[in-house]
Amino acid sequence: ETREEWALGGAANVARWLAADPTLTVTLMSPHGRDVTSGRLQNLCEEAGVRLSRRLFDPALGVTVKERLLAEDPERDTVHHLLRVDRDVVGEVRGTDLAPLRHDLWVSCRWDAIVAIDCDKFTFRGETGASIASFVGRAPCVRIVNSKCPARWSEAACHLLVCNQQEMTDAFGIHNPVQARAQVRGGCLIVTCGAGGVTAVLTDSPIHRLTEAREVVDVCGAGDAFTAGLTQAALHHTPRGLERLQPVALV
């Protein structure tokens, strides 16, 4: 007996977690096209209460899919993860999309917060991607970035920059989060998957723990729930308030 289940992942999963808060209205900007999986993305967003913007729509595009094969043992009430197959959409945003994206992200002032999820696959790659990152960094709202390439965002002046310990080390060649923080223009560097859990670092501050866990088990694979929770906490502050933030306020 087999069954197939589909769920939102990555940036869409962050949007799903945020949309679970009935006080928030969430729009997802993500590359998608006319393929079957893009249709599933649209349906899952509708079910989750997330509006899928057509700003990054391109008929020729598909959607990144991470397929997990699981084996269930009903007698022992266990599920074993056997295999994951990734089909990634890799590319760059078209130059013709820059002007409308600039308007949406920077000029329109329509957002309380912008959350950028940078997996180094599409939206923030290349020259057009650098321009989009610049738009995000200048938006007049709360700006949160979770990036596998934190060096790409070092000049973007985001309020909260999230990466894991290995990504920080690869980007800056530094193992110490306090020293890495000096390379970042934004307000606060948040490092996940490090010794002792999650840490938040300001320019001249000691490290503040955001979690007490010594062993962190990330059940969703990319910290999506953490990013959504961090965003919800940040929304209790104004952009100016976040610039003067003490990390302990985000616990």
C-alpha atoms as a PDB file:
ATOM      1  CA  GLU A   1       0.000   0.000   0.000  1.00  0.00           C
ATOM      2  CA  THR A   2       1.432   3.373  -1.017  1.00  0.00           C
ATOM      3  CA  ARG A   3       0.263   6.951  -0.757  1.00  0.00           C
ATOM      4  CA  GLU A   4       1.550  10.294  -1.968  1.00  0.00           C
ATOM      5  CA  GLU A   5       1.421  13.565  -0.030  1.00  0.00           C
ATOM      6  CA  TRP A   6       2.397  17.045  -1.175  1.00  0.00           C
ATOM      7  CA  ALA A   7       3.437  19.906   1.112  1.00  0.00           C
ATOM      8  CA  LEU A   8       4.908  23.376   0.728  1.00  0.00           C
ATOM      9  CA  GLY A   9       8.661  23.683   1.289  1.00  0.00           C
ATOM     10  CA  GLY A  10      11.342  26.353   1.560  1.00  0.00           C
ATOM     11  CA  ALA A  11      10.086  29.935   1.229  1.00  0.00           C
ATOM     12  CA  ALA A  12       6.560  28.607   0.637  1.00  0.00           C
ATOM     13  CA  ASN A  13       6.732  26.708   3.927  1.00  0.00           C
ATOM     14  CA  VAL A  14       7.781  29.897   5.747  1.00  0.00           C
ATOM     15  CA  ALA A  15       4.779  31.603   4.150  1.00  0.00           C
ATOM     16  CA  ARG A  16       2.532  28.726   5.281  1.00  0.00           C
ATOM     17  CA  TRP A  17       3.710  29.040   8.893  1.00  0.00           C
ATOM     18  CA  LEU A  18       3.137  32.808   8.838  1.00  0.00           C
ATOM     19  CA  ALA A  19      -0.304  32.471   7.261  1.00  0.00           C
ATOM     20  CA  ALA A  20      -1.320  30.237  10.182  1.00  0.00           C
ATOM     21  CA  ASP A  21      -1.514  33.506  12.157  1.00  0.00           C
ATOM     22  CA  PRO A  22      -4.974  34.866  11.226  1.00  0.00           C
ATOM     23  CA  THR A  23      -3.808  38.453  11.821  1.00  0.00           C
ATOM     24  CA  LEU A  24      -1.285  38.252   8.968  1.00  0.00           C
ATOM     25  CA  THR A  25      -1.848  38.532   5.215  1.00  0.00           C
ATOM     26  CA  VAL A  26       0.956  36.722   3.384  1.00  0.00           C
ATOM     27  CA  THR A  27       2.079  37.017  -0.248  1.00  0.00           C
ATOM     28  CA  LEU A  28       4.641  34.617  -1.720  1.00  0.00           C
ATOM     29  CA  MET A  29       6.892  35.709  -4.591  1.00  0.00           C
ATOM     30  CA  SER A  30       8.465  32.573  -5.986  1.00  0.00           C
ATOM     31  CA  PRO A  31       9.459  31.472  -9.503  1.00  0.00           C
ATOM     32  CA  HIS A  32       6.871  29.167 -11.065  1.00  0.00           C
ATOM     33  CA  GLY A  33       5.423  28.326 -14.453  1.00  0.00           C
ATOM     34  CA  ARG A  34       2.706  26.258 -16.102  1.00  0.00           C
ATOM     35  CA  ASP A  35       3.941  22.783 -15.227  1.00  0.00           C
ATOM     36  CA  VAL A  36       1.934  20.365 -13.090  1.00  0.00           C
ATOM     37  CA  THR A  37       3.983  21.028  -9.963  1.00  0.00           C
ATOM     38  CA  SER A  38       3.474  24.789 -10.289  1.00  0.00           C
ATOM     39  CA  GLY A  39      -0.240  24.024 -10.311  1.00  0.00           C
ATOM     40  CA  ARG A  40       0.171  22.047  -7.108  1.00  0.00           C
ATOM     41  CA  LEU A  41       2.075  25.003  -5.620  1.00  0.00           C
ATOM     42  CA  GLN A  42      -0.854  27.285  -6.448  1.00  0.00           C
ATOM     43  CA  ASN A  43      -3.375  24.885  -4.899  1.00  0.00           C
ATOM     44  CA  LEU A  44      -1.333  24.350  -1.730  1.00  0.00           C
ATOM     45  CA  CYS A  45      -0.888  28.106  -1.298  1.00  0.00           C
ATOM     46  CA  GLU A  46      -4.646  28.614  -1.618  1.00  0.00           C
ATOM     47  CA  GLU A  47      -5.284  25.919   0.991  1.00  0.00           C
ATOM     48  CA  ALA A  48      -2.776  27.570   3.353  1.00  0.00           C
ATOM     49  CA  GLY A  49      -4.206  31.058   2.873  1.00  0.00           C
ATOM     50  CA  VAL A  50      -1.108  32.309   1.027  1.00  0.00           C
ATOM     51  CA  ARG A  51      -1.411  34.535  -2.051  1.00  0.00           C
ATOM     52  CA  LEU A  52       0.983  33.384  -4.790  1.00  0.00           C
ATOM     53  CA  SER A  53       2.154  36.439  -6.731  1.00  0.00           C
ATOM     54  CA  ARG A  54       2.595  36.087 -10.493  1.00  0.00           C
ATOM     55  CA  ARG A  55       5.475  38.559 -10.448  1.00  0.00           C
ATOM     56  CA  LEU A  56       8.054  35.761 -10.973  1.00  0.00           C
ATOM     57  CA  PHE A  57       5.826  33.707 -13.282  1.00  0.00           C
ATOM     58  CA  ASP A  58       7.468  32.385 -16.446  1.00  0.00           C
ATOM     59  CA  PRO A  59       5.768  29.723 -18.624  1.00  0.00           C
ATOM     60  CA  ALA A  60       9.128  28.033 -19.154  1.00  0.00           C
ATOM     61  CA  LEU A  61       9.849  27.621 -15.432  1.00  0.00           C
ATOM     62  CA  GLY A  62       9.089  24.747 -13.100  1.00  0.00           C
ATOM     63  CA  VAL A  63       9.176  24.435  -9.326  1.00  0.00           C
ATOM     64  CA  THR A  64      11.900  22.948  -7.146  1.00  0.00           C
ATOM     65  CA  VAL A  65      10.742  19.590  -5.760  1.00  0.00           C
ATOM     66  CA  LYS A  66      12.300  17.588  -2.931  1.00  0.00           C
ATOM     67  CA  GLU A  67      10.830  14.107  -2.951  1.00  0.00           C
ATOM     68  CA  ARG A  68      11.182  11.971   0.168  1.00  0.00           C
ATOM     69  CA  LEU A  69      10.599   8.212   0.062  1.00  0.00           C
ATOM     70  CA  LEU A  70       9.455   6.820   3.411  1.00  0.00           C
ATOM     71  CA  ALA A  71       8.699   3.312   4.684  1.00  0.00           C
ATOM     72  CA  GLU A  72       6.118   2.891   7.422  1.00  0.00           C
ATOM     73  CA  ASP A  73       6.019  -0.004   9.882  1.00  0.00           C
ATOM     74  CA  PRO A  74       2.497   0.030  11.374  1.00  0.00           C
ATOM     75  CA  GLU A  75       3.259  -2.754  13.845  1.00  0.00           C
ATOM     76  CA  ARG A  76       6.099  -0.786  15.408  1.00  0.00           C
ATOM     77  CA  ASP A  77       4.460   2.596  14.727  1.00  0.00           C
ATOM     78  CA  THR A  78       7.628   3.915  13.043  1.00  0.00           C
ATOM     79  CA  VAL A  79       8.470   5.652   9.774  1.00  0.00           C
ATOM     80  CA  HIS A  80      11.911   5.310   8.184  1.00  0.00           C
ATOM     81  CA  HIS A  81      13.365   7.875   5.780  1.00  0.00           C
ATOM     82  CA  LEU A  82      14.853   5.927   2.867  1.00  0.00           C
ATOM     83  CA  LEU A  83      15.773   8.415   0.152  1.00  0.00           C
ATOM     84  CA  ARG A  84      15.418  12.018  -0.965  1.00  0.00           C
ATOM     85  CA  VAL A  85      15.452  13.040  -4.624  1.00  0.00           C
ATOM     86  CA  ASP A  86      15.878  16.751  -5.419  1.00  0.00           C
ATOM     87  CA  ARG A  87      14.855  18.395  -8.686  1.00  0.00           C
ATOM     88  CA  ASP A  88      16.053  21.981  -8.435  1.00  0.00           C
ATOM     89  CA  VAL A  89      15.061  24.917 -10.605  1.00  0.00           C
ATOM     90  CA  VAL A  90      18.281  26.900 -11.065  1.00  0.00           C
ATOM     91  CA  GLY A  91      18.585  30.149 -13.010  1.00  0.00           C
ATOM     92  CA  GLU A  92      18.228  33.920 -12.751  1.00  0.00           C
ATOM     93  CA  VAL A  93      15.375  36.412 -12.788  1.00  0.00           C
ATOM     94  CA  ARG A  94      14.807  38.122 -16.143  1.00  0.00           C
ATOM     95  CA  GLY A  95      16.098  41.677 -16.390  1.00  0.00           C
ATOM     96  CA  THR A  96      12.678  42.837 -17.596  1.00  0.00           C
ATOM     97  CA  ASP A  97      11.239  41.835 -14.207  1.00  0.00           C
ATOM     98  CA  LEU A  98      13.484  44.208 -12.252  1.00  0.00           C
ATOM     99  CA  ALA A  99      11.418  47.391 -12.587  1.00  0.00           C
ATOM    100  CA  PRO A 100       8.132  45.861 -11.336  1.00  0.00           C
ATOM    101  CA  LEU A 101       9.964  43.998  -8.565  1.00  0.00           C
ATOM    102  CA  ARG A 102      11.625  47.241  -7.498  1.00  0.00           C
ATOM    103  CA  HIS A 103       8.191  48.824  -7.280  1.00  0.00           C
ATOM    104  CA  ASP A 104       6.730  45.921  -5.319  1.00  0.00           C
ATOM    105  CA  LEU A 105       9.622  45.561  -2.862  1.00  0.00           C
ATOM    106  CA  TRP A 106      10.765  49.135  -2.366  1.00  0.00           C
ATOM    107  CA  VAL A 107       8.540  51.857  -3.804  1.00  0.00           C
ATOM    108  CA  SER A 108       5.027  50.662  -2.976  1.00  0.00           C
ATOM    109  CA  CYS A 109       5.486  50.659   0.851  1.00  0.00           C
ATOM    110  CA  ARG A 110       2.767  47.985   1.018  1.00  0.00           C
ATOM    111  CA  TRP A 111       4.514  45.532   3.362  1.00  0.00           C
ATOM    112  CA  ASP A 112       4.984  45.377   7.127  1.00  0.00           C
ATOM    113  CA  ALA A 113       7.832  42.910   6.556  1.00  0.00           C
ATOM    114  CA  ILE A 114       9.770  41.305   3.726  1.00  0.00           C
ATOM    115  CA  VAL A 115      11.284  37.871   4.365  1.00  0.00           C
ATOM    116  CA  ALA A 116      13.883  36.828   1.781  1.00  0.00           C
ATOM    117  CA  ILE A 117      14.738  33.117   1.616  1.00  0.00           C
ATOM    118  CA  ASP A 118      17.947  32.766  -0.389  1.00  0.00           C
ATOM    119  CA  CYS A 119      18.790  29.152  -1.249  1.00  0.00           C
ATOM    120  CA  ASP A 120      21.172  30.251  -4.031  1.00  0.00           C
ATOM    121  CA  LYS A 121      18.974  28.641  -6.680  1.00  0.00           C
ATOM    122  CA  PHE A 122      17.241  31.433  -8.573  1.00  0.00           C
ATOM    123  CA  THR A 123      15.874  34.744  -7.280  1.00  0.00           C
ATOM    124  CA  PHE A 124      19.045  36.280  -5.828  1.00  0.00           C
ATOM    125  CA  ARG A 125      21.619  34.880  -8.269  1.00  0.00           C
ATOM    126  CA  GLY A 126      23.623  36.932 -10.774  1.00  0.00           C
ATOM    127  CA  GLU A 127      23.400  40.654 -11.503  1.00  0.00           C
ATOM    128  CA  THR A 128      19.603  40.731 -11.465  1.00  0.00           C
ATOM    129  CA  GLY A 129      19.614  38.868  -8.150  1.00  0.00           C
ATOM    130  CA  ALA A 130      22.028  41.404  -6.667  1.00  0.00           C
ATOM    131  CA  SER A 131      19.633  44.173  -7.709  1.00  0.00           C
ATOM    132  CA  ILE A 132      16.709  42.397  -6.037  1.00  0.00           C
ATOM    133  CA  ALA A 133      18.752  41.979  -2.846  1.00  0.00           C
ATOM    134  CA  SER A 134      19.447  45.725  -2.966  1.00  0.00           C
ATOM    135  CA  PHE A 135      15.702  46.435  -3.314  1.00  0.00           C
ATOM    136  CA  VAL A 136      15.006  44.275  -0.257  1.00  0.00           C
ATOM    137  CA  GLY A 137      17.732  46.034   1.731  1.00  0.00           C
ATOM    138  CA  ARG A 138      16.194  49.460   1.082  1.00  0.00           C
ATOM    139  CA  ALA A 139      12.550  48.582   1.670  1.00  0.00           C
ATOM    140  CA  PRO A 140      10.842  50.817   4.287  1.00  0.00           C
ATOM    141  CA  CYS A 141       9.691  47.903   6.460  1.00  0.00           C
ATOM    142  CA  VAL A 142      11.035  45.074   8.608  1.00  0.00           C
ATOM    143  CA  ARG A 143      13.647  43.188   6.548  1.00  0.00           C
ATOM    144  CA  ILE A 144      14.584  39.593   7.379  1.00  0.00           C
ATOM    145  CA  VAL A 145      16.897  37.379   5.311  1.00  0.00           C
ATOM    146  CA  ASN A 146      17.660  33.677   5.680  1.00  0.00           C
ATOM    147  CA  SER A 147      20.494  32.916   3.272  1.00  0.00           C
ATOM    148  CA  LYS A 148      22.816  30.092   2.348  1.00  0.00           C
ATOM    149  CA  CYS A 149      25.128  32.847   0.997  1.00  0.00           C
ATOM    150  CA  PRO A 150      25.242  35.437   3.815  1.00  0.00           C
ATOM    151  CA  ALA A 151      28.130  37.345   2.197  1.00  0.00           C
ATOM    152  CA  ARG A 152      25.686  38.285  -0.594  1.00  0.00           C
ATOM    153  CA  TRP A 153      23.684  40.210   2.015  1.00  0.00           C
ATOM    154  CA  SER A 154      26.534  41.780   3.977  1.00  0.00           C
ATOM    155  CA  GLU A 155      25.807  45.235   2.486  1.00  0.00           C
ATOM    156  CA  ALA A 156      22.031  44.924   2.282  1.00  0.00           C
ATOM    157  CA  ALA A 157      21.253  46.530   5.665  1.00  0.00           C
ATOM    158  CA  CYS A 158      18.633  43.944   6.588  1.00  0.00           C
ATOM    159  CA  HIS A 159      17.462  44.009  10.187  1.00  0.00           C
ATOM    160  CA  LEU A 160      17.979  40.276  10.791  1.00  0.00           C
ATOM    161  CA  LEU A 161      20.342  38.068   8.774  1.00  0.00           C
ATOM    162  CA  VAL A 162      20.014  34.334   9.440  1.00  0.00           C
ATOM    163  CA  CYS A 163      22.432  31.607   8.349  1.00  0.00           C
ATOM    164  CA  ASN A 164      23.848  28.475   9.886  1.00  0.00           C
ATOM    165  CA  GLN A 165      27.304  28.064  11.374  1.00  0.00           C
ATOM    166  CA  GLN A 166      28.796  26.354   8.322  1.00  0.00           C
ATOM    167  CA  GLU A 167      27.346  28.920   5.901  1.00  0.00           C
ATOM    168  CA  MET A 168      28.782  31.729   8.032  1.00  0.00           C
ATOM    169  CA  THR A 169      32.223  30.089   8.073  1.00  0.00           C
ATOM    170  CA  ASP A 170      32.174  29.454   4.312  1.00  0.00           C
ATOM    171  CA  ALA A 171      31.075  33.038   3.567  1.00  0.00           C
ATOM    172  CA  PHE A 172      33.431  34.968   5.831  1.00  0.00           C
ATOM    173  CA  GLY A 173      36.194  32.473   6.627  1.00  0.00           C
ATOM    174  CA  ILE A 174      35.492  33.076  10.317  1.00  0.00           C
ATOM    175  CA  HIS A 175      34.314  30.603  12.969  1.00  0.00           C
ATOM    176  CA  ASN A 176      33.473  33.192  15.626  1.00  0.00           C
ATOM    177  CA  PRO A 177      29.990  34.760  15.155  1.00  0.00           C
ATOM    178  CA  VAL A 178      31.052  37.987  16.881  1.00  0.00           C
ATOM    179  CA  GLN A 179      33.879  38.466  14.372  1.00  0.00           C
ATOM    180  CA  ALA A 180      31.604  37.515  11.473  1.00  0.00           C
ATOM    181  CA  ARG A 181      29.066  40.085  12.654  1.00  0.00           C
ATOM    182  CA  ALA A 182      31.629  42.825  11.952  1.00  0.00           C
ATOM    183  CA  GLN A 183      31.391  41.888   8.251  1.00  0.00           C
ATOM    184  CA  VAL A 184      27.629  42.510   8.145  1.00  0.00           C
ATOM    185  CA  ARG A 185      26.033  45.926   7.718  1.00  0.00           C
ATOM    186  CA  GLY A 186      22.614  44.841   9.006  1.00  0.00           C
ATOM    187  CA  GLY A 187      21.248  45.028  12.511  1.00  0.00           C
ATOM    188  CA  CYS A 188      21.662  41.505  13.857  1.00  0.00           C
ATOM    189  CA  LEU A 189      23.376  38.290  12.727  1.00  0.00           C
ATOM    190  CA  ILE A 190      21.552  35.134  13.803  1.00  0.00           C
ATOM    191  CA  VAL A 191      23.459  31.862  13.532  1.00  0.00           C
ATOM    192  CA  THR A 192      21.643  28.520  13.621  1.00  0.00           C
ATOM    193  CA  CYS A 193      22.965  24.968  13.978  1.00  0.00           C
ATOM    194  CA  GLY A 194      25.870  26.159  16.088  1.00  0.00           C
ATOM    195  CA  ALA A 195      27.143  24.919  19.432  1.00  0.00           C
ATOM    196  CA  GLY A 196      24.335  25.427  21.938  1.00  0.00           C
ATOM    197  CA  GLY A 197      21.585  26.117  19.420  1.00  0.00           C
ATOM    198  CA  VAL A 198      20.727  29.510  17.916  1.00  0.00           C
ATOM    199  CA  THR A 199      22.681  32.675  18.705  1.00  0.00           C
ATOM    200  CA  ALA A 200      22.076  36.350  17.912  1.00  0.00           C
ATOM    201  CA  VAL A 201      24.969  38.806  17.661  1.00  0.00           C
ATOM    202  CA  LEU A 202      25.055  42.605  17.581  1.00  0.00           C
ATOM    203  CA  THR A 203      28.134  44.648  16.647  1.00  0.00           C
ATOM    204  CA  ASP A 204      29.609  45.210  20.101  1.00  0.00           C
ATOM    205  CA  SER A 205      27.642  42.729  22.158  1.00  0.00           C
ATOM    206  CA  PRO A 206      28.410  39.311  23.543  1.00  0.00           C
ATOM    207  CA  ILE A 207      26.536  36.385  22.049  1.00  0.00           C
ATOM    208  CA  HIS A 208      22.929  36.095  23.214  1.00  0.00           C
ATOM    209  CA  ARG A 209      21.285  32.687  23.093  1.00  0.00           C
ATOM    210  CA  LEU A 210      17.892  32.523  21.402  1.00  0.00           C
ATOM    211  CA  THR A 211      17.525  28.844  22.278  1.00  0.00           C
ATOM    212  CA  GLU A 212      18.732  26.788  25.205  1.00  0.00           C
ATOM    213  CA  ALA A 213      18.937  23.493  23.315  1.00  0.00           C
ATOM    214  CA  ARG A 214      22.332  21.837  23.148  1.00  0.00           C
ATOM    215  CA  GLU A 215      21.212  19.490  20.408  1.00  0.00           C
ATOM    216  CA  VAL A 216      18.877  21.001  17.827  1.00  0.00           C
ATOM    217  CA  VAL A 217      16.802  18.604  15.722  1.00  0.00           C
ATOM    218  CA  ASP A 218      15.484  20.507  12.696  1.00  0.00           C
ATOM    219  CA  VAL A 219      12.474  18.471  11.688  1.00  0.00           C
ATOM    220  CA  CYS A 220      11.652  20.548   8.596  1.00  0.00           C
ATOM    221  CA  GLY A 221      15.124  20.557   7.061  1.00  0.00           C
ATOM    222  CA  ALA A 222      15.628  24.293   6.526  1.00  0.00           C
ATOM    223  CA  GLY A 223      14.578  26.106   9.688  1.00  0.00           C
ATOM    224  CA  ASP A 224      11.317  27.266   8.119  1.00  0.00           C
ATOM    225  CA  ALA A 225       9.348  27.258  11.372  1.00  0.00           C
ATOM    226  CA  PHE A 226      12.156  29.131  13.128  1.00  0.00           C
ATOM    227  CA  THR A 227      12.262  31.796  10.389  1.00  0.00           C
ATOM    228  CA  ALA A 228       8.490  32.264  10.570  1.00  0.00           C
ATOM    229  CA  GLY A 229       8.566  32.528  14.368  1.00  0.00           C
ATOM    230  CA  LEU A 230      11.436  35.009  14.183  1.00  0.00           C
ATOM    231  CA  THR A 231       9.453  37.086  11.683  1.00  0.00           C
ATOM    232  CA  GLN A 232       6.392  37.091  13.907  1.00  0.00           C
ATOM    233  CA  ALA A 233       8.515  38.250  16.850  1.00  0.00           C
ATOM    234  CA  ALA A 234      10.122  40.972  14.733  1.00  0.00           C
ATOM    235  CA  LEU A 235       6.700  42.293  13.700  1.00  0.00           C
ATOM    236  CA  HIS A 236       6.188  43.413  17.297  1.00  0.00           C
ATOM    237  CA  HIS A 237       8.882  46.042  16.613  1.00  0.00           C
ATOM    238  CA  THR A 238       9.090  48.960  14.202  1.00  0.00           C
ATOM    239  CA  PRO A 239      12.000  49.039  11.726  1.00  0.00           C
ATOM    240  CA  ARG A 240      13.639  51.759  13.851  1.00  0.00           C
ATOM    241  CA  GLY A 241      13.024  49.690  16.970  1.00  0.00           C
ATOM    242  CA  LEU A 242      14.695  46.674  15.372  1.00  0.00           C
ATOM    243  CA  GLU A 243      17.745  48.786  14.586  1.00  0.00           C
ATOM    244  CA  ARG A 244      18.106  49.366  18.354  1.00  0.00           C
ATOM    245  CA  LEU A 245      17.137  45.836  19.261  1.00  0.00           C
ATOM    246  CA  GLN A 246      18.587  43.777  22.072  1.00  0.00           C
ATOM    247  CA  PRO A 247      18.569  40.159  20.829  1.00  0.00           C
ATOM    248  CA  VAL A 248      17.027  38.890  24.057  1.00  0.00           C
ATOM    249  CA  ALA A 249      13.809  40.632  22.932  1.00  0.00           C
ATOM    250  CA  LEU A 250      13.443  38.015  20.179  1.00  0.00           C
ATOM    251  CA  VAL A 251      13.317  34.985  22.461  1.00  0.00           C
END
